[in-house]
Amino acid sequence: MMVIGIDPGLARLGYGVIRVDRGTAVPVCYGCLETRAGTRPGERLLEISTGLSSLFDRYPPDALAVEKLFFSKNITSAMGVSEVRGIVLLAAEQRGIPVTEYTPNQVKQAVTGSGRADKAQVQQMITRLLRLDEVPQPDDAADALSIALCHIHVMR
């Protein structure tokens, strides 16, 4: 089974691809799709859509796990993230990929055992659980891996 975790963002969308091989989570790849500030919003969304299509072509997922937009103090930022989430959900629906959404607390709970874990604790657990040599960078990619791993744990 192949799971892709997505940490949606307009400037930087994090992704993490994990394959489950005989009950073991194996990291395949992780990174970010980045768009430039100052670019027209529609153009940025098109870049994200194109990047997601390439990602899905290269690593056809059996499931997609996406972080829910939980709360934001900056309404402008929240709107951009909402638009990106729409692109992600549409791209998955067009390919028949099932999508499950998780709150940040659900991800923390699944990965560390505590919904109150901080970002550093989650990153350290991801590094250990996926047997990585170092903490994944940037943070958005690490977050996406944790979202994918959360989905794998919940599905078990």
Foldseek 3Di string as FASTA:
>chain_A
DKEKFWEFFLQKIKIWIWDQDPNATATDDIDIQGDDPPDPLVVSLVSLLVVVVVVCVVGVGQAYEYEDPDDDPDVVRSVSRVSNVVSVVVSCVVVVHYYDYDYCLLLCCQQPVGSPDDLVSSQVSLCVRNVNPDRDPDSNNSVRSSRRSSVSSVVD
